[in-house]
C-alpha atoms as a PDB file:
ATOM      1  CA  THR A   1     -29.375  -2.588   7.389  1.00  0.00           C
ATOM      2  CA  MET A   2     -30.462   0.189   5.092  1.00  0.00           C
ATOM      3  CA  TYR A   3     -32.083  -2.370   2.761  1.00  0.00           C
ATOM      4  CA  PRO A   4     -33.210  -6.048   3.180  1.00  0.00           C
ATOM      5  CA  HIS A   5     -30.796  -8.421   1.345  1.00  0.00           C
ATOM      6  CA  TYR A   6     -30.931 -12.114   0.122  1.00  0.00           C
ATOM      7  CA  ASP A   7     -28.462 -13.729   2.430  1.00  0.00           C
ATOM      8  CA  GLY A   8     -30.334 -12.557   5.859  1.00  0.00           C
ATOM      9  CA  VAL A   9     -31.151 -16.281   6.386  1.00  0.00           C
ATOM     10  CA  ILE A  10     -27.418 -17.071   6.295  1.00  0.00           C
ATOM     11  CA  ASN A  11     -25.649 -13.975   7.732  1.00  0.00           C
ATOM     12  CA  VAL A  12     -27.653 -11.932  10.475  1.00  0.00           C
ATOM     13  CA  ASP A  13     -26.949  -8.347  10.507  1.00  0.00           C
ATOM     14  CA  LEU A  14     -26.336  -6.253  13.805  1.00  0.00           C
ATOM     15  CA  THR A  15     -29.637  -4.658  14.208  1.00  0.00           C
ATOM     16  CA  THR A  16     -31.563  -8.162  13.630  1.00  0.00           C
ATOM     17  CA  GLN A  17     -29.065  -9.822  16.218  1.00  0.00           C
ATOM     18  CA  LEU A  18     -29.766  -7.009  18.712  1.00  0.00           C
ATOM     19  CA  ILE A  19     -33.446  -7.261  18.030  1.00  0.00           C
ATOM     20  CA  VAL A  20     -33.472 -10.965  18.731  1.00  0.00           C
ATOM     21  CA  ASN A  21     -31.292 -10.449  21.784  1.00  0.00           C
ATOM     22  CA  LYS A  22     -33.739  -7.994  23.236  1.00  0.00           C
ATOM     23  CA  VAL A  23     -36.773 -10.379  22.542  1.00  0.00           C
ATOM     24  CA  ALA A  24     -35.000 -13.280  24.101  1.00  0.00           C
ATOM     25  CA  GLU A  25     -34.913 -11.214  27.324  1.00  0.00           C
ATOM     26  CA  LYS A  26     -38.616 -11.377  27.715  1.00  0.00           C
ATOM     27  CA  ASP A  27     -40.256 -14.168  29.808  1.00  0.00           C
ATOM     28  CA  GLU A  28     -42.555 -15.247  26.899  1.00  0.00           C
ATOM     29  CA  TYR A  29     -43.547 -13.929  23.294  1.00  0.00           C
ATOM     30  CA  GLY A  30     -45.514 -15.725  20.559  1.00  0.00           C
ATOM     31  CA  GLY A  31     -43.470 -14.943  17.755  1.00  0.00           C
ATOM     32  CA  VAL A  32     -41.312 -12.073  15.763  1.00  0.00           C
ATOM     33  CA  ASN A  33     -42.176 -10.284  12.691  1.00  0.00           C
ATOM     34  CA  PHE A  34     -39.680  -8.304  11.037  1.00  0.00           C
ATOM     35  CA  ILE A  35     -40.810  -5.715   8.704  1.00  0.00           C
ATOM     36  CA  ASN A  36     -38.451  -3.310   6.760  1.00  0.00           C
ATOM     37  CA  LEU A  37     -38.913   0.289   6.304  1.00  0.00           C
ATOM     38  CA  PHE A  38     -37.306   0.206   3.195  1.00  0.00           C
ATOM     39  CA  SER A  39     -38.704  -2.794   1.035  1.00  0.00           C
ATOM     40  CA  ASN A  40     -36.743  -2.691  -1.956  1.00  0.00           C
ATOM     41  CA  ILE A  41     -34.217  -5.576  -2.254  1.00  0.00           C
ATOM     42  CA  ASP A  42     -30.327  -4.372  -1.915  1.00  0.00           C
ATOM     43  CA  THR A  43     -28.847  -3.496  -5.431  1.00  0.00           C
ATOM     44  CA  PRO A  44     -26.343  -1.141  -6.241  1.00  0.00           C
ATOM     45  CA  ILE A  45     -29.275   0.837  -8.074  1.00  0.00           C
ATOM     46  CA  ASN A  46     -31.317   1.452  -4.971  1.00  0.00           C
ATOM     47  CA  LEU A  47     -28.532   2.161  -2.992  1.00  0.00           C
ATOM     48  CA  LYS A  48     -28.026   5.273  -5.267  1.00  0.00           C
ATOM     49  CA  HIS A  49     -31.854   5.808  -5.336  1.00  0.00           C
ATOM     50  CA  ILE A  50     -32.920   5.799  -1.682  1.00  0.00           C
ATOM     51  CA  GLU A  51     -36.032   7.919  -2.442  1.00  0.00           C
ATOM     52  CA  ASN A  52     -37.438   4.951  -4.204  1.00  0.00           C
ATOM     53  CA  SER A  53     -36.708   2.410  -1.503  1.00  0.00           C
ATOM     54  CA  HIS A  54     -40.307   1.770  -0.562  1.00  0.00           C
ATOM     55  CA  ASP A  55     -43.948   2.103  -1.751  1.00  0.00           C
ATOM     56  CA  LYS A  56     -47.378   2.390  -0.230  1.00  0.00           C
ATOM     57  CA  HIS A  57     -47.560  -1.298   0.387  1.00  0.00           C
ATOM     58  CA  THR A  58     -44.452  -1.052   2.609  1.00  0.00           C
ATOM     59  CA  ASP A  59     -46.753   1.019   4.980  1.00  0.00           C
ATOM     60  CA  ILE A  60     -49.775  -1.204   4.545  1.00  0.00           C
ATOM     61  CA  HIS A  61     -47.618  -4.137   5.792  1.00  0.00           C
ATOM     62  CA  ILE A  62     -46.209  -2.151   8.825  1.00  0.00           C
ATOM     63  CA  MET A  63     -49.540  -1.025   9.939  1.00  0.00           C
ATOM     64  CA  LYS A  64     -50.984  -4.523   9.628  1.00  0.00           C
ATOM     65  CA  ALA A  65     -48.108  -6.158  11.729  1.00  0.00           C
ATOM     66  CA  VAL A  66     -48.347  -3.285  14.221  1.00  0.00           C
ATOM     67  CA  LYS A  67     -52.327  -3.479  14.727  1.00  0.00           C
ATOM     68  CA  GLU A  68     -52.001  -7.277  15.233  1.00  0.00           C
ATOM     69  CA  ALA A  69     -48.825  -7.072  17.616  1.00  0.00           C
ATOM     70  CA  ASP A  70     -49.081  -6.832  21.523  1.00  0.00           C
ATOM     71  CA  SER A  71     -45.780  -5.175  21.487  1.00  0.00           C
ATOM     72  CA  VAL A  72     -43.623  -3.433  18.809  1.00  0.00           C
ATOM     73  CA  LEU A  73     -39.822  -3.045  18.941  1.00  0.00           C
ATOM     74  CA  LEU A  74     -38.436  -0.363  16.326  1.00  0.00           C
ATOM     75  CA  ALA A  75     -35.082  -0.671  15.195  1.00  0.00           C
ATOM     76  CA  TRP A  76     -33.222   0.845  12.177  1.00  0.00           C
ATOM     77  CA  GLY A  77     -29.665   0.678  12.721  1.00  0.00           C
ATOM     78  CA  SER A  78     -26.581   2.823  12.173  1.00  0.00           C
ATOM     79  CA  TYR A  79     -28.215   4.292   9.122  1.00  0.00           C
ATOM     80  CA  GLY A  80     -30.875   5.967  11.176  1.00  0.00           C
ATOM     81  CA  LYS A  81     -29.092   9.587  11.320  1.00  0.00           C
ATOM     82  CA  LYS A  82     -28.655   9.591   7.546  1.00  0.00           C
ATOM     83  CA  PRO A  83     -31.011  12.434   6.220  1.00  0.00           C
ATOM     84  CA  LEU A  84     -33.020  10.478   4.002  1.00  0.00           C
ATOM     85  CA  VAL A  85     -33.178   7.382   6.488  1.00  0.00           C
ATOM     86  CA  GLU A  86     -34.218   9.943   9.195  1.00  0.00           C
ATOM     87  CA  ASN A  87     -37.026  11.120   6.967  1.00  0.00           C
ATOM     88  CA  ARG A  88     -38.268   7.711   6.560  1.00  0.00           C
ATOM     89  CA  VAL A  89     -38.067   6.913  10.200  1.00  0.00           C
ATOM     90  CA  ASN A  90     -39.914  10.151  11.191  1.00  0.00           C
ATOM     91  CA  GLU A  91     -42.509   9.399   8.736  1.00  0.00           C
ATOM     92  CA  VAL A  92     -43.251   5.945  10.116  1.00  0.00           C
ATOM     93  CA  LEU A  93     -43.111   7.296  13.482  1.00  0.00           C
ATOM     94  CA  ASP A  94     -45.933   9.538  12.757  1.00  0.00           C
ATOM     95  CA  MET A  95     -47.800   6.832  11.107  1.00  0.00           C
ATOM     96  CA  LEU A  96     -47.568   4.741  14.170  1.00  0.00           C
ATOM     97  CA  LYS A  97     -48.591   7.426  16.796  1.00  0.00           C
ATOM     98  CA  PRO A  98     -51.963   5.874  17.186  1.00  0.00           C
ATOM     99  CA  HIS A  99     -50.000   2.741  18.544  1.00  0.00           C
ATOM    100  CA  SER A 100     -47.682   4.461  20.557  1.00  0.00           C
ATOM    101  CA  LYS A 101     -48.536   2.559  24.167  1.00  0.00           C
ATOM    102  CA  LYS A 102     -47.087  -0.595  22.536  1.00  0.00           C
ATOM    103  CA  ILE A 103     -44.204   0.750  20.606  1.00  0.00           C
ATOM    104  CA  SER A 104     -40.435   0.879  22.264  1.00  0.00           C
ATOM    105  CA  ILE A 105     -37.454   1.904  20.111  1.00  0.00           C
ATOM    106  CA  LEU A 106     -34.268  -0.117  20.343  1.00  0.00           C
ATOM    107  CA  THR A 107     -31.288   2.345  21.035  1.00  0.00           C
ATOM    108  CA  ASN A 108     -27.600   2.048  21.950  1.00  0.00           C
ATOM    109  CA  PRO A 109     -27.385   3.257  25.408  1.00  0.00           C
ATOM    110  CA  GLN A 110     -23.844   4.676  24.957  1.00  0.00           C
ATOM    111  CA  THR A 111     -24.962   6.970  21.786  1.00  0.00           C
ATOM    112  CA  ASN A 112     -28.634   7.011  22.303  1.00  0.00           C
ATOM    113  CA  GLU A 113     -29.093   6.247  18.509  1.00  0.00           C
END
């Protein structure tokens, strides 16, 4: 999804479902943390103003979670090729370069996206 949304406890989006499936393939894991690249909650206003979709606290939470994790699975769903989303993805990938050994990216094998 492009933004987190309040009904995530009731309705699981496809990206979240794929992440859970991938984690379930592992022999063991201690837990799963979901951190959004875009921390604003889904509203019609935010959808029109993606440039205000996150702030420095988002990056602080991302870095804290990555530092504490043994492995990191990145996934951004079908919005990843939209120009403003792609810019954010690249920004986060650059930020995570020091941790590249523990990072993998969830992609669709048919489209490599």
